[in-house]
Amino acid sequence: MEVILAVVVGGLYAAGLYLMMRRSIVKLIIGLMLLGHAANLLIFTAGRLTRGRPPIITAEAGKLIEPYADPLPQALILTAIVIGFGVQAFAIVLLRRAYQTVGTDDLDEMRATDT
């Protein structure tokens, strides 16, 4: 399962970087979104994949017994998702305003801010 997730993470990073190198600002934002998803999936994969083993200490055990799911990466991913949505919303609004001002989404044609 980790191999499949590693391939997916690599594919998302490659697609995100490819889209960020394009001239369109829409593709730049989509590339940023893909990079965010790739980073979240990488953190999730690094936190160890276990199924059906929540990190709960029973009264008899006294300590956690391996393997158990690490809740810290999941909490980090939840925080990253919220921050990512905020950044994406700001970027989309900025894109809309820039398109209204300049009339194009081509980054090379947006050199001048005076229109």
N, C-alpha and C. Protein backbone atom coordinates (compact mmCIF):
# COMPACT_ATOMS: atom_id res chain seq x y z
N MET A 1 0.83 -1.20 0.00
CA MET A 1 0.00 0.00 0.00
C MET A 1 0.87 1.26 0.00
N GLU A 2 2.01 1.20 0.72
CA GLU A 2 2.88 2.37 0.76
C GLU A 2 3.49 2.66 -0.60
N VAL A 3 3.75 1.60 -1.39
CA VAL A 3 4.34 1.80 -2.72
C VAL A 3 3.35 2.52 -3.63
N ILE A 4 2.11 2.13 -3.56
CA ILE A 4 1.08 2.79 -4.39
C ILE A 4 0.94 4.26 -4.00
N LEU A 5 0.93 4.52 -2.70
CA LEU A 5 0.82 5.91 -2.25
C LEU A 5 2.06 6.72 -2.63
N ALA A 6 3.24 6.09 -2.60
CA ALA A 6 4.45 6.80 -3.02
C ALA A 6 4.38 7.18 -4.50
N VAL A 7 3.86 6.27 -5.31
CA VAL A 7 3.71 6.57 -6.74
C VAL A 7 2.70 7.70 -6.96
N VAL A 8 1.61 7.65 -6.21
CA VAL A 8 0.58 8.71 -6.32
C VAL A 8 1.15 10.05 -5.89
N VAL A 9 1.91 10.06 -4.79
CA VAL A 9 2.52 11.31 -4.32
C VAL A 9 3.50 11.85 -5.37
N GLY A 10 4.31 10.98 -5.94
CA GLY A 10 5.23 11.41 -6.99
C GLY A 10 4.51 11.95 -8.20
N GLY A 11 3.42 11.29 -8.59
CA GLY A 11 2.63 11.78 -9.72
C GLY A 11 2.00 13.13 -9.46
N LEU A 12 1.50 13.31 -8.23
CA LEU A 12 0.89 14.60 -7.89
C LEU A 12 1.93 15.71 -7.86
N TYR A 13 3.12 15.41 -7.32
CA TYR A 13 4.19 16.42 -7.32
C TYR A 13 4.61 16.77 -8.75
N ALA A 14 4.75 15.75 -9.59
CA ALA A 14 5.16 16.00 -10.98
C ALA A 14 4.12 16.83 -11.73
N ALA A 15 2.85 16.46 -11.57
CA ALA A 15 1.79 17.21 -12.24
C ALA A 15 1.69 18.63 -11.71
N GLY A 16 1.85 18.79 -10.39
CA GLY A 16 1.79 20.13 -9.80
C GLY A 16 2.92 21.01 -10.29
N LEU A 17 4.14 20.46 -10.32
CA LEU A 17 5.27 21.26 -10.79
C LEU A 17 5.15 21.57 -12.28
N TYR A 18 4.64 20.61 -13.06
CA TYR A 18 4.45 20.86 -14.49
C TYR A 18 3.45 22.00 -14.71
N LEU A 19 2.35 21.96 -13.97
CA LEU A 19 1.34 23.00 -14.15
C LEU A 19 1.84 24.35 -13.67
N MET A 20 2.71 24.37 -12.66
CA MET A 20 3.22 25.65 -12.17
C MET A 20 4.19 26.29 -13.15
N MET A 21 4.75 25.53 -14.06
CA MET A 21 5.67 26.08 -15.05
C MET A 21 4.97 26.63 -16.27
N ARG A 22 3.66 26.52 -16.35
CA ARG A 22 2.88 27.03 -17.49
C ARG A 22 2.71 28.54 -17.35
N ARG A 23 2.27 29.17 -18.43
CA ARG A 23 2.13 30.63 -18.43
C ARG A 23 0.78 31.09 -17.88
N SER A 24 -0.19 30.20 -17.83
CA SER A 24 -1.52 30.57 -17.37
C SER A 24 -1.57 30.59 -15.84
N ILE A 25 -2.19 31.62 -15.30
CA ILE A 25 -2.28 31.73 -13.84
C ILE A 25 -3.30 30.73 -13.28
N VAL A 26 -4.27 30.31 -14.10
CA VAL A 26 -5.22 29.28 -13.67
C VAL A 26 -4.48 27.96 -13.45
N LYS A 27 -3.58 27.62 -14.37
CA LYS A 27 -2.80 26.40 -14.23
C LYS A 27 -1.84 26.50 -13.05
N LEU A 28 -1.37 27.69 -12.76
CA LEU A 28 -0.52 27.90 -11.59
C LEU A 28 -1.28 27.59 -10.30
N ILE A 29 -2.51 28.05 -10.21
CA ILE A 29 -3.31 27.78 -9.01
C ILE A 29 -3.65 26.30 -8.90
N ILE A 30 -3.98 25.66 -10.02
CA ILE A 30 -4.25 24.22 -9.99
C ILE A 30 -3.00 23.45 -9.59
N GLY A 31 -1.84 23.89 -10.06
CA GLY A 31 -0.58 23.27 -9.66
C GLY A 31 -0.31 23.40 -8.18
N LEU A 32 -0.60 24.58 -7.63
CA LEU A 32 -0.45 24.77 -6.18
C LEU A 32 -1.38 23.85 -5.39
N MET A 33 -2.60 23.66 -5.90
CA MET A 33 -3.54 22.77 -5.22
C MET A 33 -3.02 21.33 -5.25
N LEU A 34 -2.48 20.91 -6.39
CA LEU A 34 -1.95 19.54 -6.48
C LEU A 34 -0.75 19.35 -5.55
N LEU A 35 0.11 20.37 -5.44
CA LEU A 35 1.24 20.27 -4.52
C LEU A 35 0.76 20.16 -3.07
N GLY A 36 -0.29 20.87 -2.72
CA GLY A 36 -0.84 20.78 -1.37
C GLY A 36 -1.38 19.39 -1.08
N HIS A 37 -2.10 18.82 -2.04
CA HIS A 37 -2.63 17.47 -1.86
C HIS A 37 -1.50 16.44 -1.77
N ALA A 38 -0.47 16.62 -2.57
CA ALA A 38 0.68 15.71 -2.54
C ALA A 38 1.38 15.77 -1.19
N ALA A 39 1.55 16.97 -0.65
CA ALA A 39 2.19 17.11 0.66
C ALA A 39 1.35 16.46 1.76
N ASN A 40 0.04 16.66 1.69
CA ASN A 40 -0.84 16.02 2.69
C ASN A 40 -0.76 14.50 2.61
N LEU A 41 -0.77 13.97 1.41
CA LEU A 41 -0.69 12.52 1.24
C LEU A 41 0.67 11.98 1.69
N LEU A 42 1.72 12.76 1.47
CA LEU A 42 3.06 12.36 1.92
C LEU A 42 3.12 12.30 3.44
N ILE A 43 2.55 13.29 4.12
CA ILE A 43 2.53 13.30 5.58
C ILE A 43 1.70 12.12 6.10
N PHE A 44 0.58 11.85 5.44
CA PHE A 44 -0.28 10.74 5.84
C PHE A 44 0.45 9.40 5.68
N THR A 45 1.18 9.25 4.60
CA THR A 45 1.93 8.01 4.37
C THR A 45 3.08 7.87 5.37
N ALA A 46 3.74 8.97 5.70
CA ALA A 46 4.84 8.92 6.65
C ALA A 46 4.37 8.59 8.07
N GLY A 47 3.10 8.81 8.36
CA GLY A 47 2.56 8.54 9.68
C GLY A 47 2.19 7.11 9.92
N ARG A 48 2.55 6.22 9.05
CA ARG A 48 2.32 4.78 9.14
C ARG A 48 0.87 4.44 8.85
N LEU A 49 0.68 3.48 7.98
CA LEU A 49 -0.66 3.06 7.58
C LEU A 49 -1.05 1.82 8.38
N THR A 50 -2.03 1.96 9.20
CA THR A 50 -2.56 0.82 9.96
C THR A 50 -4.07 0.87 9.87
N ARG A 51 -4.68 -0.28 9.86
CA ARG A 51 -6.13 -0.35 9.75
C ARG A 51 -6.72 -1.01 11.00
N GLY A 52 -7.69 -0.35 11.58
CA GLY A 52 -8.40 -0.93 12.70
C GLY A 52 -7.64 -0.93 14.01
N ARG A 53 -6.61 -0.10 14.14
CA ARG A 53 -5.83 -0.04 15.39
C ARG A 53 -5.77 1.40 15.87
N PRO A 54 -6.82 1.91 16.48
CA PRO A 54 -6.78 3.30 16.97
C PRO A 54 -5.84 3.42 18.15
N PRO A 55 -5.25 4.60 18.35
CA PRO A 55 -4.31 4.79 19.45
C PRO A 55 -5.03 5.02 20.78
N ILE A 56 -5.72 3.99 21.25
CA ILE A 56 -6.47 4.08 22.51
C ILE A 56 -5.84 3.11 23.51
N ILE A 57 -5.55 3.61 24.70
CA ILE A 57 -4.96 2.78 25.76
C ILE A 57 -6.11 2.22 26.60
N THR A 58 -6.21 0.91 26.64
CA THR A 58 -7.24 0.30 27.46
C THR A 58 -6.80 0.30 28.93
N ALA A 59 -7.76 0.07 29.80
CA ALA A 59 -7.46 0.10 31.23
C ALA A 59 -6.55 -1.06 31.63
N GLU A 60 -6.65 -2.19 30.94
CA GLU A 60 -5.83 -3.35 31.29
C GLU A 60 -4.41 -3.24 30.75
N ALA A 61 -4.25 -2.62 29.58
CA ALA A 61 -2.94 -2.62 28.91
C ALA A 61 -1.95 -1.68 29.60
N GLY A 62 -2.34 -0.48 29.89
CA GLY A 62 -1.44 0.46 30.53
C GLY A 62 -0.56 1.24 29.56
N LYS A 63 -0.33 0.70 28.35
CA LYS A 63 0.43 1.42 27.33
C LYS A 63 -0.03 0.96 25.95
N LEU A 64 0.36 1.74 24.93
CA LEU A 64 -0.03 1.40 23.56
C LEU A 64 0.75 0.18 23.09
N ILE A 65 0.06 -0.66 22.35
CA ILE A 65 0.68 -1.86 21.80
C ILE A 65 0.81 -1.67 20.30
N GLU A 66 2.02 -1.91 19.76
CA GLU A 66 2.28 -1.75 18.32
C GLU A 66 1.48 -2.78 17.53
N PRO A 67 1.08 -2.54 16.30
CA PRO A 67 1.06 -1.28 15.59
C PRO A 67 -0.22 -0.51 15.90
N TYR A 68 -0.11 0.78 15.93
CA TYR A 68 -1.26 1.64 16.14
C TYR A 68 -1.14 2.84 15.21
N ALA A 69 -2.28 3.44 14.89
CA ALA A 69 -2.29 4.61 14.01
C ALA A 69 -1.81 5.83 14.78
N ASP A 70 -0.91 6.58 14.19
CA ASP A 70 -0.39 7.79 14.81
C ASP A 70 -1.35 8.94 14.52
N PRO A 71 -1.96 9.57 15.52
CA PRO A 71 -2.94 10.62 15.25
C PRO A 71 -2.32 11.97 14.90
N LEU A 72 -1.03 12.17 15.15
CA LEU A 72 -0.41 13.47 14.88
C LEU A 72 -0.40 13.83 13.40
N PRO A 73 -0.01 12.94 12.47
CA PRO A 73 -0.07 13.31 11.05
C PRO A 73 -1.48 13.65 10.58
N GLN A 74 -2.47 12.95 11.11
CA GLN A 74 -3.84 13.24 10.71
C GLN A 74 -4.27 14.62 11.19
N ALA A 75 -3.85 15.01 12.38
CA ALA A 75 -4.15 16.36 12.88
C ALA A 75 -3.42 17.42 12.05
N LEU A 76 -2.18 17.14 11.67
CA LEU A 76 -1.43 18.08 10.83
C LEU A 76 -2.09 18.24 9.46
N ILE A 77 -2.56 17.13 8.90
CA ILE A 77 -3.22 17.18 7.59
C ILE A 77 -4.52 17.98 7.68
N LEU A 78 -5.28 17.79 8.74
CA LEU A 78 -6.53 18.55 8.90
C LEU A 78 -6.24 20.05 8.95
N THR A 79 -5.20 20.43 9.67
CA THR A 79 -4.81 21.84 9.74
C THR A 79 -4.36 22.32 8.37
N ALA A 80 -3.59 21.51 7.66
CA ALA A 80 -3.10 21.90 6.34
C ALA A 80 -4.23 22.04 5.34
N ILE A 81 -5.25 21.20 5.46
CA ILE A 81 -6.41 21.31 4.56
C ILE A 81 -7.12 22.64 4.76
N VAL A 82 -7.31 23.02 6.02
CA VAL A 82 -8.00 24.29 6.31
C VAL A 82 -7.18 25.47 5.78
N ILE A 83 -5.88 25.47 6.06
CA ILE A 83 -5.02 26.55 5.57
C ILE A 83 -4.98 26.55 4.05
N GLY A 84 -4.93 25.38 3.44
CA GLY A 84 -4.91 25.28 1.98
C GLY A 84 -6.17 25.85 1.34
N PHE A 85 -7.32 25.58 1.94
CA PHE A 85 -8.57 26.15 1.42
C PHE A 85 -8.54 27.67 1.48
N GLY A 86 -8.00 28.22 2.56
CA GLY A 86 -7.90 29.67 2.67
C GLY A 86 -7.01 30.27 1.61
N VAL A 87 -5.86 29.64 1.39
CA VAL A 87 -4.92 30.14 0.38
C VAL A 87 -5.52 30.01 -1.02
N GLN A 88 -6.19 28.89 -1.28
CA GLN A 88 -6.81 28.71 -2.59
C GLN A 88 -7.93 29.71 -2.84
N ALA A 89 -8.73 29.99 -1.83
CA ALA A 89 -9.80 30.98 -1.99
C ALA A 89 -9.21 32.35 -2.27
N PHE A 90 -8.14 32.72 -1.55
CA PHE A 90 -7.50 34.01 -1.80
C PHE A 90 -6.90 34.06 -3.20
N ALA A 91 -6.28 32.97 -3.64
CA ALA A 91 -5.67 32.96 -4.98
C ALA A 91 -6.73 33.06 -6.07
N ILE A 92 -7.87 32.42 -5.87
CA ILE A 92 -8.94 32.49 -6.88
C ILE A 92 -9.51 33.89 -6.96
N VAL A 93 -9.71 34.54 -5.82
CA VAL A 93 -10.20 35.92 -5.83
C VAL A 93 -9.18 36.85 -6.46
N LEU A 94 -7.89 36.63 -6.14
CA LEU A 94 -6.83 37.44 -6.75
C LEU A 94 -6.78 37.24 -8.26
N LEU A 95 -6.96 35.99 -8.71
CA LEU A 95 -6.99 35.70 -10.14
C LEU A 95 -8.15 36.41 -10.82
N ARG A 96 -9.30 36.36 -10.21
CA ARG A 96 -10.48 37.02 -10.80
C ARG A 96 -10.27 38.52 -10.92
N ARG A 97 -9.72 39.12 -9.87
CA ARG A 97 -9.49 40.57 -9.90
C ARG A 97 -8.42 40.95 -10.92
N ALA A 98 -7.37 40.14 -11.01
CA ALA A 98 -6.33 40.42 -11.99
C ALA A 98 -6.86 40.26 -13.41
N TYR A 99 -7.72 39.27 -13.62
CA TYR A 99 -8.31 39.09 -14.94
C TYR A 99 -9.21 40.26 -15.31
N GLN A 100 -9.96 40.78 -14.34
CA GLN A 100 -10.81 41.94 -14.61
C GLN A 100 -9.96 43.17 -14.93
N THR A 101 -8.82 43.31 -14.28
CA THR A 101 -7.98 44.49 -14.47
C THR A 101 -7.19 44.42 -15.77
N VAL A 102 -6.53 43.28 -16.00
CA VAL A 102 -5.62 43.16 -17.14
C VAL A 102 -6.32 42.61 -18.37
N GLY A 103 -7.29 41.71 -18.18
CA GLY A 103 -8.00 41.15 -19.31
C GLY A 103 -7.38 39.87 -19.85
N THR A 104 -6.41 39.31 -19.19
CA THR A 104 -5.80 38.06 -19.62
C THR A 104 -5.31 37.29 -18.39
N ASP A 105 -5.11 35.98 -18.58
CA ASP A 105 -4.55 35.20 -17.49
C ASP A 105 -3.13 34.74 -17.80
N ASP A 106 -2.55 35.28 -18.88
CA ASP A 106 -1.18 34.94 -19.27
C ASP A 106 -0.20 35.72 -18.39
N LEU A 107 0.70 34.99 -17.74
CA LEU A 107 1.64 35.64 -16.81
C LEU A 107 2.62 36.56 -17.54
N ASP A 108 2.96 36.24 -18.79
CA ASP A 108 3.90 37.09 -19.52
C ASP A 108 3.27 38.42 -19.91
N GLU A 109 1.95 38.44 -20.10
CA GLU A 109 1.27 39.67 -20.47
C GLU A 109 0.89 40.50 -19.25
N MET A 110 1.13 40.00 -18.05
CA MET A 110 0.80 40.73 -16.83
C MET A 110 2.02 41.44 -16.27
N ARG A 111 2.93 41.85 -17.09
CA ARG A 111 4.15 42.49 -16.60
C ARG A 111 3.87 43.88 -16.03
N ALA A 112 2.99 44.62 -16.64
CA ALA A 112 2.70 45.97 -16.18
C ALA A 112 1.47 45.96 -15.30
N THR A 113 1.53 46.71 -14.21
CA THR A 113 0.37 46.80 -13.33
C THR A 113 -0.50 47.99 -13.68
N ASP A 114 0.01 48.91 -14.51
CA ASP A 114 -0.77 50.07 -14.91
C ASP A 114 -1.54 49.73 -16.17
N THR A 115 -2.87 49.81 -16.10
CA THR A 115 -3.69 49.59 -17.30
C THR A 115 -4.67 50.70 -17.46
